[in-house]
Amino acid sequence: MYKSIADCFRKTIASEGFFGMYRGSAINILLITPEKAIKLAANDYFRYHLSTNEGVVSLPRAGLAGGLAGLFQIVVTTPMELLKIQMQDAGRVATAARAAGQEVKKVTALGLTKQLLRERGIFGLYKGVGATGVRDVTFSVIYFPLMASINNLGPRKADGSGEAVFYWSMMAGYEAGTTAAFTVTPLDVIKTRLQASGGQKYDGIMDCVRKTLYNEGVSAFFKGGLCRVMVVGPLFGIAQTFYFLGVGETILGMDKHKSI
């Protein structure tokens, strides 16, 4: 339906108006904070327990810590992504329905949540959990060790804490986030297609891989890759910087170094 980012932007504005670009934003705003809190805190927790007595974390153990953090976050990520994708896809589905002369009902996040709970129970919110887990675990296995390695190479603060200066942590988060995001784009494409409400139906991860490869070729697994990189890189750069600055500890009135 869309040929490029610009084409998608133009068609969305034309069919849904400016606010069509913000479909699903309320869900994102509500759930992305606990998702990132779980991800970042869990990684630190597992790194601490997987480190040697000297505080050194080997690369395999750093990857394991990241993978476990990614596994824990899917409790929040799966329903967030499912609802967000279906809200965002509702505009495309509605446009196609109107073109076919069909009646279109307004879709809301609350209404969609109630419908999923009524029809499938709590597990209705976890459609595509397997694909989400594969994507998030793989992303975290790449992101956290890479981020830590880049962060360790930068200039240190003058306060003797041994921590990297904030702008280097932001750059490390951005570079690691960009790299991990592009690498797992095929997994994100599969997850998104499994969770989308309209279009091709799939019977699982392997069925989605097979049908996508057969109908569209290898390049289909990298659709939206540029968009994903443009979003995830800055997001992790900002989130990692705030986490390292100890903003949460400051708000709670805690000593950052004692809390660690």
C-alpha atoms as a PDB file:
ATOM      1  CA  MET A   1       0.000   0.000   0.000  1.00  0.00           C
ATOM      2  CA  TYR A   2       2.934   2.326   0.691  1.00  0.00           C
ATOM      3  CA  LYS A   3       6.016   2.836  -1.472  1.00  0.00           C
ATOM      4  CA  SER A   4       8.155   4.732   1.035  1.00  0.00           C
ATOM      5  CA  ILE A   5       8.136   6.702   4.297  1.00  0.00           C
ATOM      6  CA  ALA A   6       7.110   9.864   2.421  1.00  0.00           C
ATOM      7  CA  ASP A   7       4.340   8.021   0.554  1.00  0.00           C
ATOM      8  CA  CYS A   8       2.996   6.554   3.803  1.00  0.00           C
ATOM      9  CA  PHE A   9       3.077  10.008   5.423  1.00  0.00           C
ATOM     10  CA  ARG A  10       1.245  11.618   2.507  1.00  0.00           C
ATOM     11  CA  LYS A  11      -1.454   8.948   2.251  1.00  0.00           C
ATOM     12  CA  THR A  12      -2.040   8.844   6.021  1.00  0.00           C
ATOM     13  CA  ILE A  13      -2.445  12.621   6.200  1.00  0.00           C
ATOM     14  CA  ALA A  14      -4.780  12.575   3.187  1.00  0.00           C
ATOM     15  CA  SER A  15      -7.036   9.795   4.505  1.00  0.00           C
ATOM     16  CA  GLU A  16      -6.936  10.348   8.284  1.00  0.00           C
ATOM     17  CA  GLY A  17      -5.718  13.895   8.835  1.00  0.00           C
ATOM     18  CA  PHE A  18      -2.799  15.116  10.944  1.00  0.00           C
ATOM     19  CA  PHE A  19      -3.859  13.246  14.083  1.00  0.00           C
ATOM     20  CA  GLY A  20      -3.878  10.016  12.120  1.00  0.00           C
ATOM     21  CA  MET A  21      -0.105  10.150  12.557  1.00  0.00           C
ATOM     22  CA  TYR A  22      -0.621   9.792  16.318  1.00  0.00           C
ATOM     23  CA  ARG A  23      -2.858   6.721  16.389  1.00  0.00           C
ATOM     24  CA  GLY A  24      -1.901   4.479  19.300  1.00  0.00           C
ATOM     25  CA  SER A  25       0.191   7.187  20.979  1.00  0.00           C
ATOM     26  CA  ALA A  26      -1.794   7.038  24.239  1.00  0.00           C
ATOM     27  CA  ILE A  27      -0.944   3.343  24.614  1.00  0.00           C
ATOM     28  CA  ASN A  28       2.699   4.057  23.879  1.00  0.00           C
ATOM     29  CA  ILE A  29       2.850   6.896  26.415  1.00  0.00           C
ATOM     30  CA  LEU A  30       1.135   4.816  29.099  1.00  0.00           C
ATOM     31  CA  LEU A  31       3.171   1.619  28.757  1.00  0.00           C
ATOM     32  CA  ILE A  32       6.576   2.541  27.357  1.00  0.00           C
ATOM     33  CA  THR A  33       7.764   3.928  30.709  1.00  0.00           C
ATOM     34  CA  PRO A  34       7.265   0.699  32.702  1.00  0.00           C
ATOM     35  CA  GLU A  35       8.600  -1.280  29.747  1.00  0.00           C
ATOM     36  CA  LYS A  36      11.892   0.625  29.684  1.00  0.00           C
ATOM     37  CA  ALA A  37      12.078   0.636  33.494  1.00  0.00           C
ATOM     38  CA  ILE A  38      11.836  -3.165  33.537  1.00  0.00           C
ATOM     39  CA  LYS A  39      14.335  -3.551  30.691  1.00  0.00           C
ATOM     40  CA  LEU A  40      17.054  -1.274  32.082  1.00  0.00           C
ATOM     41  CA  ALA A  41      16.698  -2.274  35.736  1.00  0.00           C
ATOM     42  CA  ALA A  42      16.536  -6.004  34.926  1.00  0.00           C
ATOM     43  CA  ASN A  43      19.712  -5.788  32.854  1.00  0.00           C
ATOM     44  CA  ASP A  44      21.579  -4.121  35.720  1.00  0.00           C
ATOM     45  CA  TYR A  45      20.227  -6.690  38.179  1.00  0.00           C
ATOM     46  CA  PHE A  46      21.341  -9.652  36.083  1.00  0.00           C
ATOM     47  CA  ARG A  47      24.706  -8.064  35.233  1.00  0.00           C
ATOM     48  CA  TYR A  48      25.345  -7.607  38.954  1.00  0.00           C
ATOM     49  CA  HIS A  49      24.593 -11.248  39.751  1.00  0.00           C
ATOM     50  CA  LEU A  50      26.500 -12.562  36.718  1.00  0.00           C
ATOM     51  CA  SER A  51      29.652 -10.511  37.374  1.00  0.00           C
ATOM     52  CA  THR A  52      32.844 -11.862  38.950  1.00  0.00           C
ATOM     53  CA  ASN A  53      34.020 -10.866  42.428  1.00  0.00           C
ATOM     54  CA  GLU A  54      36.021  -8.109  40.753  1.00  0.00           C
ATOM     55  CA  GLY A  55      32.866  -6.741  39.123  1.00  0.00           C
ATOM     56  CA  VAL A  56      33.806  -7.888  35.601  1.00  0.00           C
ATOM     57  CA  VAL A  57      31.091  -9.161  33.261  1.00  0.00           C
ATOM     58  CA  SER A  58      32.272 -11.309  30.345  1.00  0.00           C
ATOM     59  CA  LEU A  59      30.720 -10.809  26.910  1.00  0.00           C
ATOM     60  CA  PRO A  60      28.666 -14.057  27.015  1.00  0.00           C
ATOM     61  CA  ARG A  61      27.332 -13.173  30.469  1.00  0.00           C
ATOM     62  CA  ALA A  62      26.578  -9.609  29.369  1.00  0.00           C
ATOM     63  CA  GLY A  63      24.565 -11.067  26.484  1.00  0.00           C
ATOM     64  CA  LEU A  64      22.781 -13.428  28.874  1.00  0.00           C
ATOM     65  CA  ALA A  65      21.910 -10.544  31.208  1.00  0.00           C
ATOM     66  CA  GLY A  66      20.546  -8.545  28.296  1.00  0.00           C
ATOM     67  CA  GLY A  67      18.566 -11.500  26.985  1.00  0.00           C
ATOM     68  CA  LEU A  68      16.969 -12.111  30.392  1.00  0.00           C
ATOM     69  CA  ALA A  69      16.053  -8.411  30.606  1.00  0.00           C
ATOM     70  CA  GLY A  70      14.418  -8.663  27.169  1.00  0.00           C
ATOM     71  CA  LEU A  71      12.523 -11.746  28.304  1.00  0.00           C
ATOM     72  CA  PHE A  72      11.144  -9.982  31.379  1.00  0.00           C
ATOM     73  CA  GLN A  73       9.981  -6.913  29.461  1.00  0.00           C
ATOM     74  CA  ILE A  74       7.603  -8.815  27.153  1.00  0.00           C
ATOM     75  CA  VAL A  75       5.079  -8.896  30.009  1.00  0.00           C
ATOM     76  CA  VAL A  76       4.453  -5.227  29.178  1.00  0.00           C
ATOM     77  CA  THR A  77       5.725  -5.054  25.596  1.00  0.00           C
ATOM     78  CA  THR A  78       3.373  -7.607  24.032  1.00  0.00           C
ATOM     79  CA  PRO A  79       0.033  -5.996  24.980  1.00  0.00           C
ATOM     80  CA  MET A  80       1.473  -2.531  24.327  1.00  0.00           C
ATOM     81  CA  GLU A  81       2.632  -3.444  20.817  1.00  0.00           C
ATOM     82  CA  LEU A  82      -0.512  -5.433  20.020  1.00  0.00           C
ATOM     83  CA  LEU A  83      -2.858  -2.569  20.931  1.00  0.00           C
ATOM     84  CA  LYS A  84      -0.622   0.066  19.325  1.00  0.00           C
ATOM     85  CA  ILE A  85      -0.332  -1.836  16.040  1.00  0.00           C
ATOM     86  CA  GLN A  86      -4.051  -2.557  15.826  1.00  0.00           C
ATOM     87  CA  MET A  87      -4.875   1.088  16.587  1.00  0.00           C
ATOM     88  CA  GLN A  88      -2.429   2.270  13.934  1.00  0.00           C
ATOM     89  CA  ASP A  89      -3.659  -0.298  11.425  1.00  0.00           C
ATOM     90  CA  ALA A  90      -7.294   0.664  12.048  1.00  0.00           C
ATOM     91  CA  GLY A  91      -6.952   3.712   9.815  1.00  0.00           C
ATOM     92  CA  ARG A  92      -5.704   1.678   6.857  1.00  0.00           C
ATOM     93  CA  VAL A  93      -8.428  -0.933   7.366  1.00  0.00           C
ATOM     94  CA  ALA A  94     -11.100   1.784   7.662  1.00  0.00           C
ATOM     95  CA  THR A  95      -9.934   3.481   4.450  1.00  0.00           C
ATOM     96  CA  ALA A  96     -10.150   0.193   2.545  1.00  0.00           C
ATOM     97  CA  ALA A  97     -13.607  -0.510   4.027  1.00  0.00           C
ATOM     98  CA  ARG A  98     -14.953   2.909   3.047  1.00  0.00           C
ATOM     99  CA  ALA A  99     -13.634   2.434  -0.478  1.00  0.00           C
ATOM    100  CA  ALA A 100     -15.619  -0.812  -0.616  1.00  0.00           C
ATOM    101  CA  GLY A 101     -18.773   0.965   0.611  1.00  0.00           C
ATOM    102  CA  GLN A 102     -18.778  -0.713   4.017  1.00  0.00           C
ATOM    103  CA  GLU A 103     -19.755   0.851   7.334  1.00  0.00           C
ATOM    104  CA  VAL A 104     -16.809   1.678   9.574  1.00  0.00           C
ATOM    105  CA  LYS A 105     -16.966   1.733  13.378  1.00  0.00           C
ATOM    106  CA  LYS A 106     -14.637   3.935  15.376  1.00  0.00           C
ATOM    107  CA  VAL A 107     -11.879   1.961  17.115  1.00  0.00           C
ATOM    108  CA  THR A 108     -10.570   3.039  20.535  1.00  0.00           C
ATOM    109  CA  ALA A 109      -7.840   1.526  22.692  1.00  0.00           C
ATOM    110  CA  LEU A 110     -10.281   0.873  25.538  1.00  0.00           C
ATOM    111  CA  GLY A 111     -12.837  -0.684  23.210  1.00  0.00           C
ATOM    112  CA  LEU A 112     -10.201  -2.851  21.576  1.00  0.00           C
ATOM    113  CA  THR A 113      -8.909  -3.999  24.973  1.00  0.00           C
ATOM    114  CA  LYS A 114     -12.429  -4.912  26.152  1.00  0.00           C
ATOM    115  CA  GLN A 115     -13.090  -6.800  22.922  1.00  0.00           C
ATOM    116  CA  LEU A 116      -9.877  -8.840  23.211  1.00  0.00           C
ATOM    117  CA  LEU A 117     -10.549  -9.635  26.875  1.00  0.00           C
ATOM    118  CA  ARG A 118     -14.156 -10.599  26.125  1.00  0.00           C
ATOM    119  CA  GLU A 119     -13.305 -12.836  23.168  1.00  0.00           C
ATOM    120  CA  ARG A 120     -10.010 -14.385  24.280  1.00  0.00           C
ATOM    121  CA  GLY A 121      -9.474 -13.505  27.929  1.00  0.00           C
ATOM    122  CA  ILE A 122      -6.207 -12.092  29.233  1.00  0.00           C
ATOM    123  CA  PHE A 123      -4.263 -14.168  26.697  1.00  0.00           C
ATOM    124  CA  GLY A 124      -5.947 -12.161  23.941  1.00  0.00           C
ATOM    125  CA  LEU A 125      -3.578  -9.334  24.854  1.00  0.00           C
ATOM    126  CA  TYR A 126      -0.604 -11.624  24.311  1.00  0.00           C
ATOM    127  CA  LYS A 127      -1.147 -12.493  20.653  1.00  0.00           C
ATOM    128  CA  GLY A 128       2.271 -12.733  19.028  1.00  0.00           C
ATOM    129  CA  VAL A 129       4.069 -13.121  22.370  1.00  0.00           C
ATOM    130  CA  GLY A 130       6.463 -15.693  20.878  1.00  0.00           C
ATOM    131  CA  ALA A 131       7.540 -13.382  18.056  1.00  0.00           C
ATOM    132  CA  THR A 132       7.762 -10.446  20.481  1.00  0.00           C
ATOM    133  CA  GLY A 133       9.980 -12.494  22.783  1.00  0.00           C
ATOM    134  CA  VAL A 134      12.299 -13.562  19.963  1.00  0.00           C
ATOM    135  CA  ARG A 135      12.643  -9.953  18.805  1.00  0.00           C
ATOM    136  CA  ASP A 136      13.142  -8.387  22.243  1.00  0.00           C
ATOM    137  CA  VAL A 137      15.525 -11.039  23.565  1.00  0.00           C
ATOM    138  CA  THR A 138      17.647 -10.825  20.406  1.00  0.00           C
ATOM    139  CA  PHE A 139      17.596  -7.020  20.525  1.00  0.00           C
ATOM    140  CA  SER A 140      18.702  -6.980  24.170  1.00  0.00           C
ATOM    141  CA  VAL A 141      21.453  -9.578  23.623  1.00  0.00           C
ATOM    142  CA  ILE A 142      22.928  -7.205  21.017  1.00  0.00           C
ATOM    143  CA  TYR A 143      22.098  -3.852  22.603  1.00  0.00           C
ATOM    144  CA  PHE A 144      23.293  -4.108  26.206  1.00  0.00           C
ATOM    145  CA  PRO A 145      26.797  -5.575  25.658  1.00  0.00           C
ATOM    146  CA  LEU A 146      27.392  -3.189  22.743  1.00  0.00           C
ATOM    147  CA  MET A 147      26.143  -0.212  24.707  1.00  0.00           C
ATOM    148  CA  ALA A 148      28.335  -1.102  27.708  1.00  0.00           C
ATOM    149  CA  SER A 149      31.404  -1.564  25.474  1.00  0.00           C
ATOM    150  CA  ILE A 150      30.946   1.796  23.738  1.00  0.00           C
ATOM    151  CA  ASN A 151      30.158   3.513  27.037  1.00  0.00           C
ATOM    152  CA  ASN A 152      33.375   2.186  28.615  1.00  0.00           C
ATOM    153  CA  LEU A 153      35.452   3.785  25.856  1.00  0.00           C
ATOM    154  CA  GLY A 154      34.309   7.348  26.547  1.00  0.00           C
ATOM    155  CA  PRO A 155      35.596  10.157  28.779  1.00  0.00           C
ATOM    156  CA  ARG A 156      34.827   9.897  32.507  1.00  0.00           C
ATOM    157  CA  LYS A 157      33.185  12.395  34.837  1.00  0.00           C
ATOM    158  CA  ALA A 158      35.448  14.643  36.897  1.00  0.00           C
ATOM    159  CA  ASP A 159      33.758  13.656  40.190  1.00  0.00           C
ATOM    160  CA  GLY A 160      35.811  10.458  40.494  1.00  0.00           C
ATOM    161  CA  SER A 161      32.765   8.169  40.111  1.00  0.00           C
ATOM    162  CA  GLY A 162      34.299   6.496  37.078  1.00  0.00           C
ATOM    163  CA  GLU A 163      31.092   6.989  35.093  1.00  0.00           C
ATOM    164  CA  ALA A 164      31.025   8.238  31.510  1.00  0.00           C
ATOM    165  CA  VAL A 165      29.963  11.819  30.831  1.00  0.00           C
ATOM    166  CA  PHE A 166      26.280  12.106  29.954  1.00  0.00           C
ATOM    167  CA  TYR A 167      26.723  12.950  26.258  1.00  0.00           C
ATOM    168  CA  TRP A 168      28.894   9.859  25.732  1.00  0.00           C
ATOM    169  CA  SER A 169      26.257   7.649  27.393  1.00  0.00           C
ATOM    170  CA  MET A 170      23.656   9.179  25.085  1.00  0.00           C
ATOM    171  CA  MET A 171      25.813   8.504  22.036  1.00  0.00           C
ATOM    172  CA  ALA A 172      26.511   4.935  23.212  1.00  0.00           C
ATOM    173  CA  GLY A 173      22.780   4.295  23.681  1.00  0.00           C
ATOM    174  CA  TYR A 174      22.035   5.797  20.273  1.00  0.00           C
ATOM    175  CA  GLU A 175      24.674   3.784  18.408  1.00  0.00           C
ATOM    176  CA  ALA A 176      23.857   0.507  20.159  1.00  0.00           C
ATOM    177  CA  GLY A 177      20.110   1.100  19.745  1.00  0.00           C
ATOM    178  CA  THR A 178      20.473   1.870  16.049  1.00  0.00           C
ATOM    179  CA  THR A 179      22.616  -1.223  15.435  1.00  0.00           C
ATOM    180  CA  ALA A 180      20.345  -3.575  17.386  1.00  0.00           C
ATOM    181  CA  ALA A 181      17.175  -2.099  15.857  1.00  0.00           C
ATOM    182  CA  PHE A 182      18.336  -2.620  12.283  1.00  0.00           C
ATOM    183  CA  THR A 183      19.624  -6.123  13.031  1.00  0.00           C
ATOM    184  CA  VAL A 184      16.286  -7.335  14.400  1.00  0.00           C
ATOM    185  CA  THR A 185      14.136  -5.601  11.757  1.00  0.00           C
ATOM    186  CA  PRO A 186      13.169  -8.957  10.134  1.00  0.00           C
ATOM    187  CA  LEU A 187      11.959 -10.196  13.535  1.00  0.00           C
ATOM    188  CA  ASP A 188      10.000  -6.969  14.023  1.00  0.00           C
ATOM    189  CA  VAL A 189       8.350  -7.372  10.607  1.00  0.00           C
ATOM    190  CA  ILE A 190       7.239 -10.896  11.518  1.00  0.00           C
ATOM    191  CA  LYS A 191       5.918  -9.788  14.926  1.00  0.00           C
ATOM    192  CA  THR A 192       4.017  -6.852  13.429  1.00  0.00           C
ATOM    193  CA  ARG A 193       2.369  -8.995  10.761  1.00  0.00           C
ATOM    194  CA  LEU A 194       1.284 -11.568  13.328  1.00  0.00           C
ATOM    195  CA  GLN A 195      -0.280  -8.865  15.516  1.00  0.00           C
ATOM    196  CA  ALA A 196      -1.932  -6.786  12.753  1.00  0.00           C
ATOM    197  CA  SER A 197      -5.690  -7.210  12.473  1.00  0.00           C
ATOM    198  CA  GLY A 198      -6.108  -6.883   8.686  1.00  0.00           C
ATOM    199  CA  GLY A 199      -4.531  -8.400   5.589  1.00  0.00           C
ATOM    200  CA  GLN A 200      -2.781 -11.739   5.266  1.00  0.00           C
ATOM    201  CA  LYS A 201      -3.468 -14.301   7.996  1.00  0.00           C
ATOM    202  CA  TYR A 202      -0.671 -16.408   9.446  1.00  0.00           C
ATOM    203  CA  ASP A 203      -0.580 -19.595  11.514  1.00  0.00           C
ATOM    204  CA  GLY A 204       2.570 -18.741  13.433  1.00  0.00           C
ATOM    205  CA  ILE A 205       6.111 -17.467  13.071  1.00  0.00           C
ATOM    206  CA  MET A 206       7.315 -19.998  10.498  1.00  0.00           C
ATOM    207  CA  ASP A 207       4.131 -19.661   8.429  1.00  0.00           C
ATOM    208  CA  CYS A 208       4.630 -15.879   8.391  1.00  0.00           C
ATOM    209  CA  VAL A 209       8.274 -16.293   7.318  1.00  0.00           C
ATOM    210  CA  ARG A 210       7.332 -18.721   4.557  1.00  0.00           C
ATOM    211  CA  LYS A 211       4.451 -16.672   3.121  1.00  0.00           C
ATOM    212  CA  THR A 212       6.356 -13.386   3.295  1.00  0.00           C
ATOM    213  CA  LEU A 213       9.392 -14.888   1.583  1.00  0.00           C
ATOM    214  CA  TYR A 214       7.262 -16.546  -1.105  1.00  0.00           C
ATOM    215  CA  ASN A 215       5.029 -13.524  -1.845  1.00  0.00           C
ATOM    216  CA  GLU A 216       7.432 -10.596  -1.410  1.00  0.00           C
ATOM    217  CA  GLY A 217      11.003 -11.840  -1.258  1.00  0.00           C
ATOM    218  CA  VAL A 218      13.823 -11.211   1.214  1.00  0.00           C
ATOM    219  CA  SER A 219      13.538  -7.402   0.998  1.00  0.00           C
ATOM    220  CA  ALA A 220      10.121  -7.565   2.704  1.00  0.00           C
ATOM    221  CA  PHE A 221      11.841  -8.500   5.974  1.00  0.00           C
ATOM    222  CA  PHE A 222      13.493  -5.080   6.029  1.00  0.00           C
ATOM    223  CA  LYS A 223      10.377  -2.996   5.349  1.00  0.00           C
ATOM    224  CA  GLY A 224      10.180  -0.127   7.827  1.00  0.00           C
ATOM    225  CA  GLY A 225      13.794  -0.651   8.845  1.00  0.00           C
ATOM    226  CA  LEU A 226      14.718   3.012   8.347  1.00  0.00           C
ATOM    227  CA  CYS A 227      11.701   4.159  10.381  1.00  0.00           C
ATOM    228  CA  ARG A 228      12.605   1.758  13.166  1.00  0.00           C
ATOM    229  CA  VAL A 229      16.203   2.965  13.291  1.00  0.00           C
ATOM    230  CA  MET A 230      15.059   6.606  13.303  1.00  0.00           C
ATOM    231  CA  VAL A 231      12.871   5.927  16.355  1.00  0.00           C
ATOM    232  CA  VAL A 232      14.745   3.340  18.402  1.00  0.00           C
ATOM    233  CA  GLY A 233      18.205   4.941  18.238  1.00  0.00           C
ATOM    234  CA  PRO A 234      17.235   8.304  19.794  1.00  0.00           C
ATOM    235  CA  LEU A 235      14.784   6.590  22.174  1.00  0.00           C
ATOM    236  CA  PHE A 236      17.487   4.425  23.734  1.00  0.00           C
ATOM    237  CA  GLY A 237      20.016   7.250  23.716  1.00  0.00           C
ATOM    238  CA  ILE A 238      17.651   9.408  25.773  1.00  0.00           C
ATOM    239  CA  ALA A 239      16.407   6.584  28.025  1.00  0.00           C
ATOM    240  CA  GLN A 240      19.918   5.327  28.796  1.00  0.00           C
ATOM    241  CA  THR A 241      21.156   8.841  29.576  1.00  0.00           C
ATOM    242  CA  PHE A 242      18.327   9.535  32.029  1.00  0.00           C
ATOM    243  CA  TYR A 243      18.902   6.137  33.622  1.00  0.00           C
ATOM    244  CA  PHE A 244      22.641   6.759  34.099  1.00  0.00           C
ATOM    245  CA  LEU A 245      22.063  10.302  35.375  1.00  0.00           C
ATOM    246  CA  GLY A 246      20.036   8.810  38.228  1.00  0.00           C
ATOM    247  CA  VAL A 247      16.919  10.883  37.554  1.00  0.00           C
ATOM    248  CA  GLY A 248      14.752   8.217  39.196  1.00  0.00           C
ATOM    249  CA  GLU A 249      16.887   8.169  42.337  1.00  0.00           C
ATOM    250  CA  THR A 250      16.777  11.974  42.498  1.00  0.00           C
ATOM    251  CA  ILE A 251      12.979  12.015  42.264  1.00  0.00           C
ATOM    252  CA  LEU A 252      12.744   9.354  44.998  1.00  0.00           C
ATOM    253  CA  GLY A 253      15.269  11.185  47.178  1.00  0.00           C
ATOM    254  CA  MET A 254      17.733   8.270  47.094  1.00  0.00           C
ATOM    255  CA  ASP A 255      21.516   8.263  46.879  1.00  0.00           C
ATOM    256  CA  LYS A 256      22.289   6.891  43.414  1.00  0.00           C
ATOM    257  CA  HIS A 257      25.467   5.074  44.387  1.00  0.00           C
ATOM    258  CA  LYS A 258      23.955   3.546  47.508  1.00  0.00           C
ATOM    259  CA  SER A 259      20.919   2.366  45.520  1.00  0.00           C
ATOM    260  CA  ILE A 260      23.202   0.503  43.150  1.00  0.00           C
END
